[in-house]
Each structure stands twice: as structure tokens, then as C-alpha cells.
Amino acid sequence: MNVNNVNLQAVAVKKEQYPDEGLPEVAFAGKSNVGKSSLINAMINRKALARTSGSPGKTRTINFYNVEDTLMFVDLPGYGYAKISKSEQRKWGKMIEDYLIKREFLRGIILLIDIRHEPGENDKMMYEWLKHYGHKIIVAATKSDKLKRSQVKKHLAVIINSLGLSKEDIIIPFSSEDKSGKDELWEVIENIIKG
């Protein structure tokens, strides 16, 4: 997709704050500091529309980005961030769960996993939970520029085996730095929103 016009449409913590344009939505989920905001910025050709931070837990709301009046990118808060209270973690968890279960415009979920590390328990739980609810899942294996090209395949295999990805799941190595994987990810997103 040729992206020129993107804006932050809504910042929400509950359903009443979600936008009601009726555009198809693609949500981005992953643990804190996996690179969700950086990936979104890379996909929409922006440096800092989605706020990035060196410290985890920056995104504490559900942020809706209107992309070309064609679809919404939905940036979910990261999970597994230890430096917030248990009650705050539960609040974030409920907010994410409500969106993922009840949002009628949600068409697919990009699950971000750092390619350099085996998926953690939170990643596995998120994948299984999304599968249970029948969501279309695409795994973006982020930070692929941090590996030698020859290592990428081996690291992807670790993620595939660890999560138990099924044949219909898609996994794409992605780098926000050199934009590798961007075209492939856009192709998948465009197919999802066409239905």
C-alpha cells in the first residue's frame, strides 16, 4: 500500500472510546519492548507517529491509527512488563482482552516476537489464546537486522516450533531499521482486509 495519510484517530482504554468509522482493523500485539511502535512507524513511513521508547511499557492505551481511510492499525499495550503493579497488569490484560474478543472490525493480528529469542511463556499464552478465539495470526519476527542473514532461518524455526505454529499461520522476519519484511507484511495485510 502506498501510505501518505495516517493519523492517530483514537486513544482508548474502553469500548466507548473506540472509533466508529467501520474500517477493517489489524491489531499489533507483543510483549513490552518487542518493537510494536517501531514496526508501525516503519509500515506507515513515519519516524515517530507511534511513540517509541527505550523503556518498556510506554503504550498504556489502545491506539487507533487511520491509514489512508482504508484501515486502522491498532497498537495494543505490551504484555509481560514486570515493573508495573499486578493490578495494573490485570487492567491492561482486561483492556486488551475486551478489544480482541468484542471488536467486530478486527480482521487480523500481527503477533510480534523478537527473532533473537525463543518465545516466552507470555508469547505462547497469547498465541494459544488468539488461536482459541479463531483469530487470523501473522507472526512478525522483529529485529531481524540484528542477526546475520545465515542465522535467520534457524531462528524462525525456533519460533515456529516453540509456538507450535500451524500451516496456515504466517511468519515474516521484519526489521524496522532496514525495512526488510515490510512489503511482505503489507501484502498479507492487504489480503486480510480484502477478506
Protein backbone atom coordinates (compact mmCIF):
# COMPACT_ATOMS: atom_id res chain seq x y z
CA MET A 1 0.00 0.00 0.00
CA ASN A 2 1.19 3.48 -0.81
CA VAL A 3 0.90 5.32 2.50
CA ASN A 4 0.81 9.11 2.63
CA ASN A 5 -2.01 9.91 5.06
CA VAL A 6 -2.06 8.47 8.54
CA ASN A 7 -3.39 9.97 11.74
CA LEU A 8 -3.93 8.94 15.32
CA GLN A 9 -7.70 8.50 15.25
CA ALA A 10 -8.38 7.49 18.84
CA VAL A 11 -6.72 6.67 22.14
CA ALA A 12 -8.85 4.29 24.15
CA VAL A 13 -8.99 2.41 27.42
CA LYS A 14 -12.60 1.25 26.98
CA LYS A 15 -15.04 0.33 24.22
CA GLU A 16 -16.92 3.66 24.28
CA GLN A 17 -13.69 5.37 23.15
CA TYR A 18 -13.11 3.15 20.09
CA PRO A 19 -13.55 4.88 16.73
CA ASP A 20 -16.73 4.02 14.83
CA GLU A 21 -15.62 4.55 11.21
CA GLY A 22 -16.24 0.87 10.46
CA LEU A 23 -12.83 0.40 8.81
CA PRO A 24 -11.20 -3.04 8.97
CA GLU A 25 -8.66 -3.25 11.79
CA VAL A 26 -5.33 -5.00 12.14
CA ALA A 27 -4.02 -5.17 15.71
CA PHE A 28 -0.39 -5.38 16.83
CA ALA A 29 0.30 -7.46 19.93
CA GLY A 30 3.54 -8.41 21.65
CA LYS A 31 5.45 -8.16 24.85
CA SER A 32 6.78 -4.83 26.04
CA ASN A 33 9.76 -3.52 24.07
CA VAL A 34 9.41 -6.03 21.21
CA GLY A 35 9.16 -3.14 18.73
CA LYS A 36 5.43 -2.65 18.07
CA SER A 37 5.59 1.14 17.72
CA SER A 38 8.77 0.92 15.61
CA LEU A 39 7.14 -1.62 13.30
CA ILE A 40 4.02 0.52 12.91
CA ASN A 41 6.15 3.59 12.14
CA ALA A 42 8.12 1.60 9.55
CA MET A 43 4.92 0.32 7.91
CA ILE A 44 3.43 3.83 7.58
CA ASN A 45 6.65 5.62 6.59
CA ARG A 46 6.80 7.75 9.73
CA LYS A 47 9.57 8.34 12.20
CA ALA A 48 7.51 8.85 15.32
CA LEU A 49 3.74 8.78 14.85
CA ALA A 50 3.57 5.75 17.13
CA ARG A 51 5.61 6.74 20.17
CA THR A 52 8.65 4.57 20.77
CA SER A 53 10.71 4.34 23.90
CA GLY A 54 13.83 2.62 25.14
CA SER A 55 11.96 1.68 28.29
CA PRO A 56 9.20 -0.93 28.16
CA GLY A 57 5.58 -0.20 28.98
CA LYS A 58 5.31 3.08 27.02
CA THR A 59 1.99 2.20 25.36
CA ARG A 60 -0.65 2.08 28.09
CA THR A 61 -3.69 2.67 25.90
CA ILE A 62 -5.13 1.15 22.74
CA ASN A 63 -4.08 3.49 19.95
CA PHE A 64 -6.00 3.52 16.66
CA TYR A 65 -4.18 4.82 13.57
CA ASN A 66 -6.26 5.61 10.50
CA VAL A 67 -4.24 4.53 7.45
CA GLU A 68 -5.39 6.17 4.20
CA ASP A 69 -9.05 5.96 5.31
CA THR A 70 -8.74 2.30 4.29
CA LEU A 71 -7.91 0.52 7.53
CA MET A 72 -6.95 1.02 11.15
CA PHE A 73 -3.69 -0.09 12.70
CA VAL A 74 -4.36 -0.82 16.36
CA ASP A 75 -1.39 -0.62 18.74
CA LEU A 76 -2.10 -2.66 21.87
CA PRO A 77 -0.22 -2.24 25.16
CA GLY A 78 2.68 -4.65 25.56
CA TYR A 79 2.26 -7.61 27.86
CA GLY A 80 4.66 -9.14 30.35
CA TYR A 81 6.08 -5.87 31.66
CA ALA A 82 7.19 -6.62 35.21
CA LYS A 83 7.67 -3.08 36.52
CA ILE A 84 4.01 -2.31 36.86
CA SER A 85 1.76 -3.48 39.67
CA LYS A 86 -0.24 -6.70 39.40
CA SER A 87 -3.47 -4.70 39.44
CA GLU A 88 -2.21 -2.54 36.57
CA GLN A 89 -1.21 -5.68 34.65
CA ARG A 90 -4.71 -7.11 35.17
CA LYS A 91 -6.25 -3.83 33.99
CA TRP A 92 -4.15 -3.86 30.80
CA GLY A 93 -4.95 -7.55 30.29
CA LYS A 94 -8.69 -6.92 30.58
CA MET A 95 -8.48 -3.92 28.24
CA ILE A 96 -6.64 -5.98 25.59
CA GLU A 97 -8.92 -8.99 26.04
CA ASP A 98 -12.09 -6.89 25.70
CA TYR A 99 -10.81 -5.42 22.46
CA LEU A 100 -9.69 -8.75 21.00
CA ILE A 101 -12.89 -10.60 21.88
CA LYS A 102 -15.53 -7.95 21.22
CA ARG A 103 -14.25 -5.81 18.35
CA GLU A 104 -16.31 -6.58 15.25
CA PHE A 105 -13.96 -4.73 12.85
CA LEU A 106 -10.87 -6.73 13.86
CA ARG A 107 -9.63 -8.71 10.82
CA GLY A 108 -6.19 -9.94 11.85
CA ILE A 109 -3.49 -9.80 14.48
CA ILE A 110 0.20 -9.28 13.99
CA LEU A 111 1.94 -11.01 16.89
CA LEU A 112 5.43 -9.59 17.33
CA ILE A 113 8.20 -11.87 18.60
CA ASP A 114 11.86 -10.82 18.91
CA ILE A 115 13.62 -13.11 16.40
CA ARG A 116 16.72 -13.31 18.61
CA HIS A 117 14.96 -15.04 21.50
CA GLU A 118 12.81 -18.09 21.96
CA PRO A 119 9.20 -17.03 22.63
CA GLY A 120 8.46 -16.70 26.34
CA GLU A 121 5.52 -18.07 28.30
CA ASN A 122 3.53 -14.84 27.72
CA ASP A 123 4.08 -15.14 23.95
CA LYS A 124 2.92 -18.77 23.96
CA MET A 125 -0.14 -17.92 26.05
CA MET A 126 -1.03 -15.04 23.72
CA TYR A 127 -0.64 -17.22 20.63
CA GLU A 128 -2.77 -20.02 22.10
CA TRP A 129 -5.39 -17.56 23.30
CA LEU A 130 -5.62 -15.91 19.85
CA LYS A 131 -5.87 -19.35 18.21
CA HIS A 132 -8.59 -20.38 20.65
CA TYR A 133 -10.68 -17.39 19.57
CA GLY A 134 -10.11 -18.14 15.89
CA HIS A 135 -8.10 -15.03 15.03
CA LYS A 136 -6.03 -14.82 11.87
CA ILE A 137 -2.44 -14.57 13.18
CA ILE A 138 0.65 -13.30 11.45
CA VAL A 139 3.90 -13.52 13.38
CA ALA A 140 6.32 -10.67 12.71
CA ALA A 141 9.77 -11.81 13.86
CA THR A 142 11.19 -8.39 14.73
CA LYS A 143 14.76 -7.10 14.91
CA SER A 144 15.91 -9.41 12.09
CA ASP A 145 18.65 -6.89 11.22
CA LYS A 146 20.37 -7.88 14.48
CA LEU A 147 21.12 -11.35 13.06
CA LYS A 148 23.40 -12.46 10.25
CA ARG A 149 21.39 -13.45 7.18
CA SER A 150 22.54 -17.04 7.58
CA GLN A 151 21.01 -17.20 11.09
CA VAL A 152 17.51 -16.00 10.22
CA LYS A 153 16.11 -19.36 9.06
CA LYS A 154 17.34 -21.16 12.18
CA HIS A 155 15.82 -18.52 14.48
CA LEU A 156 12.50 -18.61 12.60
CA ALA A 157 12.43 -22.40 13.09
CA VAL A 158 12.85 -21.91 16.85
CA ILE A 159 9.83 -19.56 16.92
CA ILE A 160 7.73 -21.90 14.73
CA ASN A 161 8.49 -24.91 16.93
CA SER A 162 8.21 -23.07 20.23
CA LEU A 163 4.82 -21.54 19.44
CA GLY A 164 3.64 -24.62 17.55
CA LEU A 165 2.65 -22.54 14.54
CA SER A 166 0.19 -24.25 12.24
CA LYS A 167 0.48 -24.45 8.45
CA GLU A 168 -1.98 -21.59 7.91
CA ASP A 169 -0.06 -19.23 10.19
CA ILE A 170 2.30 -16.80 8.51
CA ILE A 171 5.69 -15.80 9.89
CA ILE A 172 7.69 -12.90 8.42
CA PRO A 173 11.15 -11.77 9.53
CA PHE A 174 10.96 -7.99 9.96
CA SER A 175 13.35 -5.12 10.60
CA SER A 176 12.21 -1.60 11.44
CA GLU A 177 15.79 -0.48 10.74
CA ASP A 178 16.28 -1.68 7.16
CA LYS A 179 12.54 -2.20 6.39
CA SER A 180 13.05 -5.83 5.36
CA GLY A 181 9.77 -7.73 5.57
CA LYS A 182 7.72 -4.55 5.08
CA ASP A 183 6.44 -5.39 1.58
CA GLU A 184 5.61 -8.97 2.57
CA LEU A 185 3.73 -7.79 5.64
CA TRP A 186 1.77 -5.22 3.62
CA GLU A 187 0.81 -7.91 1.12
CA VAL A 188 -0.56 -10.11 3.91
CA ILE A 189 -2.43 -7.16 5.50
CA GLU A 190 -4.00 -6.17 2.18
CA ASN A 191 -5.19 -9.76 1.64
CA ILE A 192 -6.69 -9.83 5.15
CA ILE A 193 -8.66 -6.61 4.75
CA LYS A 194 -9.99 -7.70 1.35
CA GLY A 195 -11.48 -10.62 3.25
